Protein backbone atom coordinates (compact mmCIF):
# COMPACT_ATOMS: atom_id res chain seq x y z
CA MET A 1 63.74 35.28 5.14
CA ALA A 2 62.29 36.39 8.47
CA ASN A 3 60.96 33.61 10.94
CA MET A 4 57.05 34.12 10.94
CA GLU A 5 57.15 33.12 14.79
CA SER A 6 59.13 35.87 16.04
CA PRO A 7 57.67 38.19 18.44
CA ARG A 8 57.92 41.20 15.87
CA MET A 9 56.36 39.31 13.32
CA LEU A 10 53.51 38.13 15.54
CA ALA A 11 52.98 41.64 16.54
CA MET A 12 52.90 42.92 12.92
CA ALA A 13 50.35 39.93 11.84
CA LYS A 14 47.99 41.43 14.75
CA LEU A 15 47.70 45.03 13.33
CA THR A 16 44.67 45.97 11.30
CA HIS A 17 45.03 47.12 7.71
CA GLU A 18 44.32 50.89 8.78
CA GLU A 19 47.15 50.53 11.51
CA LEU A 20 49.44 49.27 9.13
CA LEU A 21 48.61 52.26 6.68
CA LEU A 22 49.19 54.55 9.69
CA ARG A 23 52.43 53.20 10.67
CA ILE A 24 53.77 53.40 6.87
CA ALA A 25 52.68 57.07 6.97
CA GLU A 26 54.42 57.76 10.07
CA LEU A 27 57.64 56.23 8.68
CA GLU A 28 57.49 58.05 5.78
CA SER A 29 57.00 61.33 7.31
CA ALA A 30 59.99 60.97 9.64
CA PRO A 31 62.90 63.30 9.14
CA LYS A 32 65.60 61.60 6.86
CA ARG A 33 68.98 61.29 7.75
CA ALA A 34 71.27 62.03 4.32
CA ALA A 35 72.95 58.90 3.32
CA ASN A 36 76.43 60.39 3.72
CA SER A 37 75.88 62.27 6.84
CA LEU A 38 77.86 61.78 10.00
CA SER A 39 76.86 62.36 13.63
CA TYR A 40 78.86 62.12 16.83
CA LYS A 41 77.88 60.98 20.23
CA VAL A 42 79.77 60.40 23.57
CA GLY A 43 79.44 56.73 24.51
CA GLU A 44 79.09 55.47 27.95
CA LYS A 45 82.61 54.97 28.72
CA GLY A 46 83.57 58.48 27.33
CA GLY A 47 84.73 57.90 23.81
CA ILE A 48 83.55 59.53 20.86
CA SER A 49 81.39 57.48 18.43
CA ILE A 50 81.04 58.37 14.91
CA TYR A 51 77.85 57.19 13.06
CA GLY A 52 77.27 57.09 9.42
CA THR A 53 80.54 55.46 8.37
CA GLY A 54 79.09 52.11 7.97
CA ARG A 55 76.50 49.70 9.67
CA PHE A 56 78.10 50.03 13.28
CA PRO A 57 79.45 53.16 14.79
CA THR A 58 83.20 53.50 15.13
CA THR A 59 84.44 54.72 18.58
CA ASN A 60 87.83 56.12 19.88
CA TYR A 61 89.06 58.33 22.48
CA ALA A 62 89.12 61.87 21.50
CA GLU A 63 92.82 62.36 21.05
CA THR A 64 92.89 59.34 18.54
CA TRP A 65 90.25 61.21 16.49
CA VAL A 66 92.42 64.41 16.44
CA ARG A 67 95.51 62.18 15.49
CA ILE A 68 93.44 60.68 12.73
CA THR A 69 92.15 64.11 11.65
CA ALA A 70 95.53 65.39 11.65
CA PHE A 71 97.00 62.69 9.64
CA THR A 72 94.57 62.74 7.18
CA THR A 73 93.89 66.27 6.49
CA GLY A 74 97.48 67.87 7.37
CA LEU A 75 95.64 70.37 9.72
CA ASP A 76 97.31 71.88 12.78
CA MET A 77 95.62 71.58 16.23
CA ASP A 78 94.23 75.26 15.99
CA THR A 79 92.58 74.54 12.66
CA ILE A 80 91.18 71.18 13.85
CA LYS A 81 89.57 72.97 16.66
CA SER A 82 87.30 74.57 14.24
CA THR A 83 86.18 71.48 12.49
CA PRO A 84 82.83 69.84 13.33
CA LEU A 85 84.72 67.24 15.41
CA GLY A 86 86.84 70.00 16.99
CA GLN A 87 83.75 71.74 18.08
CA PHE A 88 82.27 68.45 19.50
CA ILE A 89 85.31 67.69 21.64
CA LEU A 90 85.10 71.45 22.77
CA ASP A 91 81.67 71.04 23.82
CA HIS A 92 81.70 67.85 25.30
CA GLN A 93 85.15 67.78 27.07
CA HIS A 94 83.50 67.24 30.43
CA GLU A 95 81.93 64.02 29.22
CA LEU A 96 84.89 62.63 27.41
CA SER A 97 87.45 59.94 28.85
CA PHE A 98 91.15 60.74 27.95
CA LYS A 99 94.15 58.70 27.57
CA ASN A 100 97.26 59.29 29.56
CA GLY A 101 95.49 61.40 32.06
CA ILE A 102 94.99 64.30 29.65
CA LYS A 103 92.19 66.21 30.51
CA GLU A 104 92.34 69.55 28.30
CA TRP A 105 92.23 70.38 24.88
CA ASP A 106 95.94 70.15 24.17
CA ILE A 107 95.54 66.57 22.76
CA PRO A 108 98.83 65.41 21.36
CA ALA A 109 99.03 64.97 17.51
CA SER A 110 102.56 63.67 17.50
CA ALA A 111 102.91 59.94 18.12
CA GLU A 112 106.05 60.87 20.05
CA ARG A 113 103.89 62.92 22.66
CA VAL A 114 101.62 60.00 23.22
CA GLY A 115 104.33 57.44 23.76
CA ALA A 116 103.57 55.32 20.68
């Protein structure tokens, strides 16, 4: 149960009935995300955060996401480039941080090439 003394609860208590109805209408008219949709974002440290997998985003280096995609789908590198994740990486390469000094799309998909 929420603490009735919290600043948020105190602010809500000060709203009039009309203001509350207006706020409810605003929230109901806001665009809704599909429950199973995923979205990508470049984090402040250059990793790719994927939202929609759980309560919190999951963040990894681009090459880690590519390796996971290759492992789970069996797709080759050229095919991965045409996926939504691959397109996101291509569009945001200049913002991303890469492990092992790699700065281009040729992200190694095999564990041998990344030294793991």
